Amino acid sequence: MLLDTRRRESFQRFRRQFNVSQRQLSIDLDVSESHIRNIESGRGNPDAKLLFKLAKYFETRPEELFPDLAEVEVHRPDS
């Protein structure tokens, strides 16, 4: 399976912009460094609470941080 690189690129861009390492981010958000690595690489996803904490930390919207998660399709039955 080919991993979507947009998340990694977006996440790294925000970390560079805020000059924060994975380790420092994990300390600031009270999660493990390995969890941050997995989220950044696309091997893991944040839960809803961490998703919004990350977005607030980087002063952005969740869709900007996680473009791969934002591309969802919803099918509703015709009413």
N, C-alpha and C. Protein backbone atom coordinates (compact mmCIF):
# COMPACT_ATOMS: atom_id res chain seq x y z
N MET A 1 0.84 -1.19 0.00
CA MET A 1 0.00 0.00 0.00
C MET A 1 0.88 1.25 0.00
N LEU A 2 0.57 2.19 -0.85
CA LEU A 2 1.33 3.43 -0.98
C LEU A 2 0.78 4.45 0.02
N LEU A 3 1.65 4.97 0.87
CA LEU A 3 1.22 5.96 1.85
C LEU A 3 1.06 7.33 1.20
N ASP A 4 0.05 8.03 1.60
CA ASP A 4 -0.20 9.40 1.15
C ASP A 4 0.83 10.30 1.82
N THR A 5 1.65 10.98 1.05
CA THR A 5 2.73 11.79 1.63
C THR A 5 2.27 13.21 2.01
N ARG A 6 1.06 13.57 1.65
CA ARG A 6 0.60 14.94 1.95
C ARG A 6 0.58 15.23 3.44
N ARG A 7 0.19 14.23 4.24
CA ARG A 7 0.14 14.44 5.69
C ARG A 7 1.53 14.71 6.22
N ARG A 8 2.49 13.88 5.84
CA ARG A 8 3.86 14.06 6.32
C ARG A 8 4.37 15.44 5.93
N GLU A 9 4.16 15.82 4.69
CA GLU A 9 4.65 17.11 4.21
C GLU A 9 3.98 18.27 4.96
N SER A 10 2.67 18.17 5.17
CA SER A 10 1.94 19.22 5.87
C SER A 10 2.39 19.31 7.32
N PHE A 11 2.46 18.16 7.98
CA PHE A 11 2.85 18.12 9.39
C PHE A 11 4.26 18.67 9.58
N GLN A 12 5.18 18.27 8.73
CA GLN A 12 6.56 18.74 8.84
C GLN A 12 6.65 20.24 8.57
N ARG A 13 5.86 20.72 7.62
CA ARG A 13 5.85 22.16 7.32
C ARG A 13 5.41 22.95 8.55
N PHE A 14 4.36 22.49 9.23
CA PHE A 14 3.89 23.18 10.43
C PHE A 14 4.91 23.08 11.55
N ARG A 15 5.55 21.93 11.71
CA ARG A 15 6.57 21.80 12.77
C ARG A 15 7.75 22.73 12.50
N ARG A 16 8.16 22.85 11.24
CA ARG A 16 9.25 23.78 10.89
C ARG A 16 8.83 25.22 11.15
N GLN A 17 7.62 25.55 10.73
CA GLN A 17 7.11 26.92 10.90
C GLN A 17 7.09 27.31 12.38
N PHE A 18 6.74 26.37 13.25
CA PHE A 18 6.66 26.65 14.68
C PHE A 18 7.94 26.24 15.41
N ASN A 19 8.93 25.77 14.64
CA ASN A 19 10.23 25.39 15.18
C ASN A 19 10.10 24.44 16.37
N VAL A 20 9.39 23.35 16.14
CA VAL A 20 9.15 22.38 17.21
C VAL A 20 9.49 20.97 16.71
N SER A 21 10.18 20.23 17.54
CA SER A 21 10.54 18.85 17.21
C SER A 21 9.38 17.92 17.56
N GLN A 22 9.44 16.69 17.07
CA GLN A 22 8.43 15.71 17.45
C GLN A 22 8.44 15.51 18.96
N ARG A 23 9.63 15.47 19.52
CA ARG A 23 9.75 15.27 20.97
C ARG A 23 9.10 16.42 21.74
N GLN A 24 9.41 17.66 21.36
CA GLN A 24 8.84 18.80 22.06
C GLN A 24 7.32 18.84 21.89
N LEU A 25 6.85 18.53 20.71
CA LEU A 25 5.41 18.50 20.46
C LEU A 25 4.74 17.47 21.36
N SER A 26 5.36 16.31 21.48
CA SER A 26 4.78 15.26 22.33
C SER A 26 4.73 15.70 23.79
N ILE A 27 5.75 16.40 24.24
CA ILE A 27 5.77 16.92 25.61
C ILE A 27 4.69 17.98 25.80
N ASP A 28 4.62 18.91 24.86
CA ASP A 28 3.64 20.00 24.95
C ASP A 28 2.20 19.48 24.96
N LEU A 29 1.94 18.39 24.23
CA LEU A 29 0.57 17.87 24.11
C LEU A 29 0.32 16.66 25.00
N ASP A 30 1.34 16.28 25.78
CA ASP A 30 1.22 15.18 26.73
C ASP A 30 0.81 13.86 26.06
N VAL A 31 1.52 13.53 24.98
CA VAL A 31 1.37 12.24 24.31
C VAL A 31 2.76 11.68 24.06
N SER A 32 2.85 10.41 23.71
CA SER A 32 4.17 9.83 23.49
C SER A 32 4.76 10.32 22.17
N GLU A 33 6.08 10.37 22.14
CA GLU A 33 6.78 10.77 20.91
C GLU A 33 6.49 9.79 19.79
N SER A 34 6.40 8.51 20.11
CA SER A 34 6.11 7.51 19.08
C SER A 34 4.72 7.72 18.48
N HIS A 35 3.78 8.19 19.30
CA HIS A 35 2.43 8.47 18.77
C HIS A 35 2.49 9.63 17.77
N ILE A 36 3.25 10.66 18.09
CA ILE A 36 3.42 11.79 17.17
C ILE A 36 4.08 11.31 15.88
N ARG A 37 5.12 10.48 15.99
CA ARG A 37 5.79 9.94 14.79
C ARG A 37 4.80 9.16 13.93
N ASN A 38 4.00 8.31 14.56
CA ASN A 38 3.03 7.50 13.82
C ASN A 38 1.97 8.36 13.15
N ILE A 39 1.51 9.38 13.84
CA ILE A 39 0.52 10.29 13.24
C ILE A 39 1.13 11.02 12.05
N GLU A 40 2.33 11.55 12.24
CA GLU A 40 2.99 12.31 11.17
C GLU A 40 3.24 11.45 9.94
N SER A 41 3.61 10.20 10.15
CA SER A 41 3.93 9.32 9.03
C SER A 41 2.69 8.75 8.35
N GLY A 42 1.54 8.86 9.00
CA GLY A 42 0.32 8.30 8.43
C GLY A 42 0.05 6.88 8.89
N ARG A 43 0.90 6.35 9.77
CA ARG A 43 0.68 4.99 10.29
C ARG A 43 -0.34 4.98 11.41
N GLY A 44 -0.69 6.16 11.93
CA GLY A 44 -1.68 6.27 12.99
C GLY A 44 -2.49 7.54 12.80
N ASN A 45 -3.62 7.60 13.46
CA ASN A 45 -4.48 8.77 13.39
C ASN A 45 -4.72 9.31 14.80
N PRO A 46 -4.87 10.63 14.92
CA PRO A 46 -5.18 11.19 16.23
C PRO A 46 -6.65 10.94 16.56
N ASP A 47 -6.95 10.84 17.85
CA ASP A 47 -8.37 10.80 18.22
C ASP A 47 -8.90 12.23 18.07
N ALA A 48 -10.20 12.38 18.22
CA ALA A 48 -10.83 13.68 17.97
C ALA A 48 -10.23 14.79 18.85
N LYS A 49 -10.01 14.48 20.13
CA LYS A 49 -9.47 15.50 21.04
C LYS A 49 -8.07 15.94 20.62
N LEU A 50 -7.21 14.97 20.29
CA LEU A 50 -5.86 15.31 19.87
C LEU A 50 -5.85 16.02 18.52
N LEU A 51 -6.77 15.66 17.65
CA LEU A 51 -6.88 16.34 16.35
C LEU A 51 -7.07 17.84 16.56
N PHE A 52 -7.98 18.20 17.46
CA PHE A 52 -8.24 19.62 17.69
C PHE A 52 -7.12 20.29 18.49
N LYS A 53 -6.48 19.55 19.38
CA LYS A 53 -5.33 20.11 20.11
C LYS A 53 -4.20 20.44 19.14
N LEU A 54 -3.95 19.53 18.19
CA LEU A 54 -2.90 19.77 17.19
C LEU A 54 -3.23 20.99 16.34
N ALA A 55 -4.47 21.08 15.91
CA ALA A 55 -4.89 22.22 15.08
C ALA A 55 -4.74 23.53 15.84
N LYS A 56 -5.13 23.55 17.11
CA LYS A 56 -4.97 24.78 17.91
C LYS A 56 -3.50 25.10 18.14
N TYR A 57 -2.72 24.07 18.41
CA TYR A 57 -1.28 24.25 18.65
C TYR A 57 -0.63 24.93 17.44
N PHE A 58 -0.98 24.45 16.24
CA PHE A 58 -0.39 24.98 15.02
C PHE A 58 -1.21 26.12 14.40
N GLU A 59 -2.24 26.56 15.13
CA GLU A 59 -3.05 27.70 14.69
C GLU A 59 -3.58 27.50 13.27
N THR A 60 -4.17 26.34 13.05
CA THR A 60 -4.71 26.03 11.73
C THR A 60 -5.96 25.19 11.88
N ARG A 61 -6.50 24.75 10.77
CA ARG A 61 -7.67 23.88 10.76
C ARG A 61 -7.23 22.43 10.63
N PRO A 62 -7.99 21.49 11.16
CA PRO A 62 -7.64 20.08 11.03
C PRO A 62 -7.44 19.64 9.57
N GLU A 63 -8.22 20.20 8.66
CA GLU A 63 -8.12 19.84 7.25
C GLU A 63 -6.76 20.21 6.66
N GLU A 64 -6.16 21.26 7.16
CA GLU A 64 -4.85 21.68 6.68
C GLU A 64 -3.76 20.75 7.19
N LEU A 65 -3.90 20.30 8.41
CA LEU A 65 -2.92 19.39 9.00
C LEU A 65 -3.03 17.98 8.44
N PHE A 66 -4.25 17.55 8.20
CA PHE A 66 -4.51 16.17 7.78
C PHE A 66 -5.34 16.14 6.50
N PRO A 67 -4.74 16.52 5.38
CA PRO A 67 -5.51 16.54 4.12
C PRO A 67 -6.01 15.16 3.72
N ASP A 68 -5.30 14.12 4.12
CA ASP A 68 -5.73 12.76 3.76
C ASP A 68 -6.99 12.36 4.53
N LEU A 69 -7.13 12.82 5.76
CA LEU A 69 -8.32 12.49 6.55
C LEU A 69 -9.52 13.33 6.14
N ALA A 70 -9.25 14.51 5.60
CA ALA A 70 -10.33 15.43 5.23
C ALA A 70 -11.06 14.99 3.96
N GLU A 71 -10.43 14.17 3.18
CA GLU A 71 -11.04 13.71 1.92
C GLU A 71 -11.90 12.47 2.18
N VAL A 72 -13.08 12.72 2.65
CA VAL A 72 -14.01 11.63 2.91
C VAL A 72 -15.26 11.82 2.06
N GLU A 73 -15.85 10.72 1.68
CA GLU A 73 -17.11 10.78 0.94
C GLU A 73 -18.23 10.32 1.85
N VAL A 74 -19.33 11.02 1.77
CA VAL A 74 -20.51 10.68 2.56
C VAL A 74 -21.65 10.43 1.59
N HIS A 75 -22.26 9.29 1.72
CA HIS A 75 -23.41 8.95 0.87
C HIS A 75 -24.65 8.87 1.73
N ARG A 76 -25.62 9.70 1.40
CA ARG A 76 -26.89 9.70 2.11
C ARG A 76 -27.95 9.10 1.20
N PRO A 77 -28.82 8.31 1.76
CA PRO A 77 -29.90 7.78 0.93
C PRO A 77 -30.83 8.92 0.52
N ASP A 78 -31.39 8.82 -0.65
CA ASP A 78 -32.33 9.85 -1.12
C ASP A 78 -33.55 9.86 -0.24
N SER A 79 -33.98 11.08 0.10
CA SER A 79 -35.17 11.20 0.97
C SER A 79 -36.41 11.36 0.15
